[in-house]
Amino acid sequence: MNKNLLKTLLKLLLTALALYLVFRKVDSKITFAIVEASNGFYLWLALVFFVLSKVFSAIRLNYFFKDLGLQLPAAQNFKLYGIGMFYNLFLPGGIGGDGYKVYLLNKYYKIPVKQLLQAVLLDRISGLAVLLFFMLLLLFGVNIRLVMSFDIHQLAVAALVALFVGFYSMMHVFFKPFVNSMGITLLYAVLVQAMQLVCAYFILLALGIGSDLLAYQFVFLLSSIVAVLPLTIGGVGARELVFILSHDYIGIDKNAAVAFSLLFFLITAITSLVGVFFKFHVEEKSVS
């Protein structure tokens, strides 16, 4: 059996299993009723801020390309980023969005594959680092019901320090060619995550959730980390499972949380479909 087909089938199986576990824990009628009753205006605002997060993300990645001497025009960078989003979500069994970007840039600009892989890897790592930063900050405003012999806030402070030291050290040891742009790329990473949190905020408002907003956003960030793992299709199922499992420790409403997650995926899918135009209606040679 083809390796990519096998990987796709495995992801489909894990996605189906995760969704099965999720909908065993919630009342699907209530969940979909919450989705149907959501406020369209707030969902539109959520979509706008999600798109903004992707614009900032594409700009951040282009700074990493510039560190390699690749002067990719903004329009072409956005086009390439859009194709990558489409590949990541709708063609998960292939080379993936990052692999496709590396392939095209190596083909047309002759930048070594190793350097391009470093750029896209650092793009992911820097985004994850800032996501962890925001999540640790939100810990100070969320009441987590855990039986622990230590103060979770002290743990958060220690983790923040470790995050700063670890990221700084990693940059200077493994990613030296990108050190000069570290400040500006981290700024864009902050903007990316801030826009995602605003997007999440408007989805919560659309669902009529007016309390425990920080708790929902904390779990949203936690689920985003889990969704990064290449286990399910577009993180579907994995993200919802995090919301379900968090119910006992943070007290968020399970049905509303799953409704939130489904709407966030819908917004992600709608935005990623822009890659269809770039992939099937624009010649690949125009990337060069």
Protein backbone atom coordinates (compact mmCIF):
# COMPACT_ATOMS: atom_id res chain seq x y z
CA MET A 1 0.00 0.00 0.00
CA ASN A 2 1.21 3.52 -0.84
CA LYS A 3 2.79 5.18 2.20
CA ASN A 4 0.82 8.42 1.80
CA LEU A 5 -2.45 6.50 1.40
CA LEU A 6 -1.69 4.51 4.53
CA LYS A 7 -0.96 7.71 6.46
CA THR A 8 -4.21 9.26 5.24
CA LEU A 9 -6.24 6.20 6.20
CA LEU A 10 -4.64 6.18 9.66
CA LYS A 11 -5.47 9.85 10.15
CA LEU A 12 -9.04 9.24 9.02
CA LEU A 13 -9.32 6.37 11.49
CA LEU A 14 -7.95 8.45 14.37
CA THR A 15 -10.22 11.37 13.42
CA ALA A 16 -13.28 9.11 13.37
CA LEU A 17 -12.30 7.54 16.69
CA ALA A 18 -11.73 10.93 18.33
CA LEU A 19 -15.07 12.26 17.08
CA TYR A 20 -16.80 9.10 18.27
CA LEU A 21 -15.36 9.60 21.76
CA VAL A 22 -16.34 13.28 21.72
CA PHE A 23 -19.96 12.73 20.72
CA ARG A 24 -20.34 9.99 23.29
CA LYS A 25 -19.65 12.65 25.94
CA VAL A 26 -21.93 15.38 24.65
CA ASP A 27 -25.55 15.74 23.59
CA SER A 28 -25.20 16.16 19.83
CA LYS A 29 -28.69 17.69 19.50
CA ILE A 30 -27.83 20.39 22.04
CA THR A 31 -24.42 20.97 20.47
CA PHE A 32 -25.77 21.48 16.95
CA ALA A 33 -28.65 23.58 18.29
CA ILE A 34 -26.05 25.89 19.85
CA VAL A 35 -24.23 26.10 16.52
CA GLU A 36 -27.45 26.86 14.62
CA ALA A 37 -28.37 29.62 17.07
CA SER A 38 -24.98 31.33 16.81
CA ASN A 39 -24.81 35.03 15.95
CA GLY A 40 -23.77 35.51 12.33
CA PHE A 41 -22.35 39.00 12.84
CA TYR A 42 -19.92 37.82 15.52
CA LEU A 43 -18.96 34.83 13.38
CA TRP A 44 -18.15 37.22 10.53
CA LEU A 45 -15.90 39.22 12.85
CA ALA A 46 -14.26 35.98 13.98
CA LEU A 47 -13.54 35.12 10.33
CA VAL A 48 -12.01 38.57 9.73
CA PHE A 49 -9.62 38.25 12.66
CA PHE A 50 -8.72 34.68 11.72
CA VAL A 51 -7.79 35.85 8.23
CA LEU A 52 -5.72 38.64 9.79
CA SER A 53 -3.86 36.04 11.86
CA LYS A 54 -2.97 34.19 8.66
CA VAL A 55 -1.83 37.40 6.96
CA PHE A 56 0.53 38.12 9.86
CA SER A 57 1.68 34.48 9.81
CA ALA A 58 2.55 34.69 6.11
CA ILE A 59 4.50 37.93 6.69
CA ARG A 60 6.43 36.27 9.53
CA LEU A 61 7.41 33.34 7.32
CA ASN A 62 8.61 35.72 4.61
CA TYR A 63 11.06 37.30 7.06
CA PHE A 64 12.62 33.87 7.55
CA PHE A 65 12.90 33.52 3.78
CA LYS A 66 14.61 36.92 3.59
CA ASP A 67 17.20 35.68 6.09
CA LEU A 68 18.12 33.09 3.45
CA GLY A 69 18.52 35.77 0.79
CA LEU A 70 15.16 34.96 -0.80
CA GLN A 71 13.34 38.17 -1.73
CA LEU A 72 9.87 36.76 -2.28
CA PRO A 73 7.34 39.46 -3.28
CA ALA A 74 4.46 39.85 -0.84
CA ALA A 75 1.78 38.77 -3.33
CA GLN A 76 3.66 35.60 -4.24
CA ASN A 77 4.32 34.87 -0.57
CA PHE A 78 0.61 35.12 0.27
CA LYS A 79 -0.23 32.90 -2.69
CA LEU A 80 2.28 30.29 -1.57
CA TYR A 81 1.01 30.49 2.00
CA GLY A 82 -2.58 30.01 0.83
CA ILE A 83 -1.63 26.89 -1.13
CA GLY A 84 0.15 25.58 1.95
CA MET A 85 -2.96 26.08 4.09
CA PHE A 86 -5.04 24.17 1.56
CA TYR A 87 -2.55 21.30 1.45
CA ASN A 88 -2.34 21.08 5.23
CA LEU A 89 -6.08 20.84 5.75
CA PHE A 90 -7.49 19.13 2.68
CA LEU A 91 -4.60 16.98 1.44
CA PRO A 92 -3.15 15.69 4.71
CA GLY A 93 -1.76 12.46 3.31
CA GLY A 94 0.61 14.10 0.84
CA ILE A 95 3.74 16.16 1.33
CA GLY A 96 1.86 18.77 3.35
CA GLY A 97 1.79 22.53 3.01
CA ASP A 98 5.31 23.08 4.34
CA GLY A 99 6.73 20.41 2.08
CA TYR A 100 5.00 21.93 -0.93
CA LYS A 101 6.44 25.38 -0.16
CA VAL A 102 9.93 23.91 0.20
CA TYR A 103 9.53 22.04 -3.10
CA LEU A 104 8.46 25.10 -5.08
CA LEU A 105 11.02 27.49 -3.60
CA ASN A 106 13.82 25.02 -4.17
CA LYS A 107 12.63 24.42 -7.72
CA TYR A 108 12.33 28.06 -8.78
CA TYR A 109 14.82 29.88 -6.53
CA LYS A 110 17.40 27.11 -6.02
CA ILE A 111 17.55 27.74 -2.25
CA PRO A 112 18.96 24.59 -0.58
CA VAL A 113 16.26 22.30 0.80
CA LYS A 114 17.99 22.12 4.19
CA GLN A 115 17.82 25.91 4.62
CA LEU A 116 14.19 26.06 3.53
CA LEU A 117 13.29 23.28 5.95
CA GLN A 118 14.99 25.26 8.72
CA ALA A 119 12.90 28.32 7.83
CA VAL A 120 9.54 26.52 7.88
CA LEU A 121 10.50 24.57 11.01
CA LEU A 122 11.47 27.76 12.84
CA ASP A 123 8.22 29.35 11.68
CA ARG A 124 6.31 26.53 13.40
CA ILE A 125 8.50 26.60 16.51
CA SER A 126 8.29 30.36 17.01
CA GLY A 127 4.52 30.23 16.63
CA LEU A 128 4.29 27.41 19.16
CA ALA A 129 6.55 29.28 21.59
CA VAL A 130 4.31 32.35 21.54
CA LEU A 131 1.21 30.17 21.85
CA LEU A 132 2.73 28.64 25.01
CA PHE A 133 3.54 32.14 26.24
CA PHE A 134 -0.08 33.27 25.96
CA MET A 135 -1.34 30.03 27.49
CA LEU A 136 0.94 30.42 30.51
CA LEU A 137 -0.20 34.01 30.95
CA LEU A 138 -3.84 32.92 30.92
CA LEU A 139 -3.07 30.45 33.70
CA PHE A 140 -3.03 33.40 36.10
CA GLY A 141 -6.68 34.12 35.34
CA VAL A 142 -8.07 30.57 35.17
CA ASN A 143 -9.19 28.45 38.09
CA ILE A 144 -8.01 24.91 37.43
CA ARG A 145 -9.28 22.23 39.80
CA LEU A 146 -6.19 20.09 40.29
CA VAL A 147 -4.95 18.41 43.44
CA MET A 148 -1.34 19.53 43.60
CA SER A 149 1.29 20.03 46.27
CA PHE A 150 2.63 23.16 44.53
CA ASP A 151 1.33 26.53 43.40
CA ILE A 152 0.36 26.39 39.73
CA HIS A 153 1.18 30.09 39.40
CA GLN A 154 4.74 29.47 40.52
CA LEU A 155 4.92 26.70 37.95
CA ALA A 156 3.69 29.12 35.29
CA VAL A 157 6.39 31.67 36.20
CA ALA A 158 9.08 28.98 36.07
CA ALA A 159 7.75 27.77 32.71
CA LEU A 160 7.78 31.31 31.30
CA VAL A 161 11.41 31.79 32.32
CA ALA A 162 12.32 28.39 30.84
CA LEU A 163 10.48 29.30 27.64
CA PHE A 164 12.43 32.54 27.20
CA VAL A 165 15.80 30.97 27.99
CA GLY A 166 15.10 27.88 25.90
CA PHE A 167 13.94 29.80 22.82
CA TYR A 168 16.85 32.28 22.98
CA SER A 169 19.36 29.45 23.34
CA MET A 170 17.76 27.43 20.55
CA MET A 171 17.95 30.40 18.16
CA HIS A 172 21.67 30.94 18.78
CA VAL A 173 22.59 27.26 18.65
CA PHE A 174 20.39 25.78 15.89
CA PHE A 175 19.04 28.74 13.89
CA LYS A 176 21.90 31.25 13.68
CA PRO A 177 21.02 32.44 10.14
CA PHE A 178 17.68 33.72 11.50
CA VAL A 179 18.89 35.51 14.65
CA ASN A 180 18.85 38.98 13.06
CA SER A 181 15.11 38.78 12.40
CA MET A 182 14.26 37.23 15.77
CA GLY A 183 12.70 40.41 17.18
CA ILE A 184 10.42 41.22 14.25
CA THR A 185 9.35 37.59 13.69
CA LEU A 186 8.46 37.21 17.37
CA LEU A 187 6.43 40.41 17.14
CA TYR A 188 4.48 38.97 14.22
CA ALA A 189 4.07 35.70 16.11
CA VAL A 190 2.50 37.68 18.96
CA LEU A 191 0.19 39.42 16.48
CA VAL A 192 -0.79 36.05 15.00
CA GLN A 193 -1.76 34.61 18.37
CA ALA A 194 -3.47 37.81 19.50
CA MET A 195 -5.66 37.75 16.37
CA GLN A 196 -6.49 34.08 17.03
CA LEU A 197 -7.55 34.93 20.58
CA VAL A 198 -9.74 37.76 19.29
CA CYS A 199 -11.21 35.31 16.77
CA ALA A 200 -11.94 32.88 19.63
CA TYR A 201 -13.48 35.72 21.65
CA PHE A 202 -15.97 36.54 18.88
CA ILE A 203 -16.88 32.87 18.42
CA LEU A 204 -17.65 32.71 22.13
CA LEU A 205 -19.83 35.82 21.82
CA ALA A 206 -21.55 34.28 18.80
CA LEU A 207 -22.44 31.28 20.96
CA GLY A 208 -23.79 33.50 23.73
CA ILE A 209 -20.99 32.63 26.15
CA GLY A 210 -20.44 35.65 28.35
CA SER A 211 -18.72 34.15 31.38
CA ASP A 212 -15.53 32.15 31.96
CA LEU A 213 -14.13 33.57 28.73
CA LEU A 214 -10.52 33.19 29.88
CA ALA A 215 -11.16 29.54 30.71
CA TYR A 216 -12.48 28.83 27.21
CA GLN A 217 -9.58 30.72 25.62
CA PHE A 218 -7.06 28.86 27.77
CA VAL A 219 -8.48 25.52 26.62
CA PHE A 220 -8.56 26.86 23.05
CA LEU A 221 -4.80 27.49 23.21
CA LEU A 222 -4.22 24.09 24.78
CA SER A 223 -6.27 22.44 22.05
CA SER A 224 -4.30 24.36 19.41
CA ILE A 225 -1.09 22.77 20.68
CA VAL A 226 -2.65 19.30 20.48
CA ALA A 227 -4.08 20.06 17.01
CA VAL A 228 -0.56 20.78 15.73
CA LEU A 229 0.30 17.10 16.20
CA PRO A 230 -0.22 15.28 12.88
CA LEU A 231 -2.64 12.73 14.32
CA THR A 232 -6.02 13.68 12.85
CA ILE A 233 -7.31 15.51 9.77
CA GLY A 234 -6.81 19.22 10.42
CA GLY A 235 -6.82 18.60 14.16
CA VAL A 236 -10.50 17.58 14.01
CA GLY A 237 -11.45 15.36 16.92
CA ALA A 238 -8.21 16.01 18.79
CA ARG A 239 -9.19 19.62 19.49
CA GLU A 240 -12.69 18.61 20.60
CA LEU A 241 -11.29 15.90 22.88
CA VAL A 242 -9.20 18.51 24.69
CA PHE A 243 -12.33 20.57 25.37
CA ILE A 244 -14.17 17.50 26.63
CA LEU A 245 -11.34 16.39 28.92
CA SER A 246 -10.92 19.94 30.25
CA HIS A 247 -14.52 20.04 31.44
CA ASP A 248 -13.77 18.24 34.71
CA TYR A 249 -10.82 20.48 35.57
CA ILE A 250 -11.94 23.92 34.40
CA GLY A 251 -15.72 23.64 34.42
CA ILE A 252 -16.48 24.79 30.88
CA ASP A 253 -19.73 23.63 29.29
CA LYS A 254 -19.02 20.55 27.16
CA ASN A 255 -21.71 21.15 24.55
CA ALA A 256 -20.81 24.81 24.09
CA ALA A 257 -17.09 23.96 23.96
CA VAL A 258 -17.57 21.40 21.18
CA ALA A 259 -19.81 23.86 19.32
CA PHE A 260 -17.00 26.43 19.61
CA SER A 261 -14.46 23.96 18.26
CA LEU A 262 -16.65 23.01 15.30
CA LEU A 263 -17.16 26.66 14.37
CA PHE A 264 -13.44 27.35 14.62
CA PHE A 265 -12.74 24.46 12.27
CA LEU A 266 -15.39 25.77 9.85
CA ILE A 267 -13.68 29.18 9.81
CA THR A 268 -10.31 27.49 9.26
CA ALA A 269 -11.71 25.44 6.38
CA ILE A 270 -13.34 28.44 4.69
CA THR A 271 -10.10 30.41 4.89
CA SER A 272 -8.00 27.48 3.66
CA LEU A 273 -10.17 27.09 0.56
CA VAL A 274 -8.50 30.18 -0.89
CA GLY A 275 -5.67 27.81 -1.74
CA VAL A 276 -7.94 26.09 -4.28
CA PHE A 277 -7.83 29.19 -6.48
CA PHE A 278 -4.07 29.48 -6.24
CA LYS A 279 -3.50 25.76 -6.79
CA PHE A 280 -5.89 25.03 -9.64
CA HIS A 281 -6.33 28.40 -11.38
CA VAL A 282 -2.86 29.88 -11.17
CA GLU A 283 0.10 28.28 -12.92
CA GLU A 284 2.85 27.12 -10.59
CA LYS A 285 5.41 28.96 -12.69
CA SER A 286 3.89 32.27 -11.53
CA VAL A 287 5.32 31.56 -8.08
CA SER A 288 8.77 32.16 -9.50
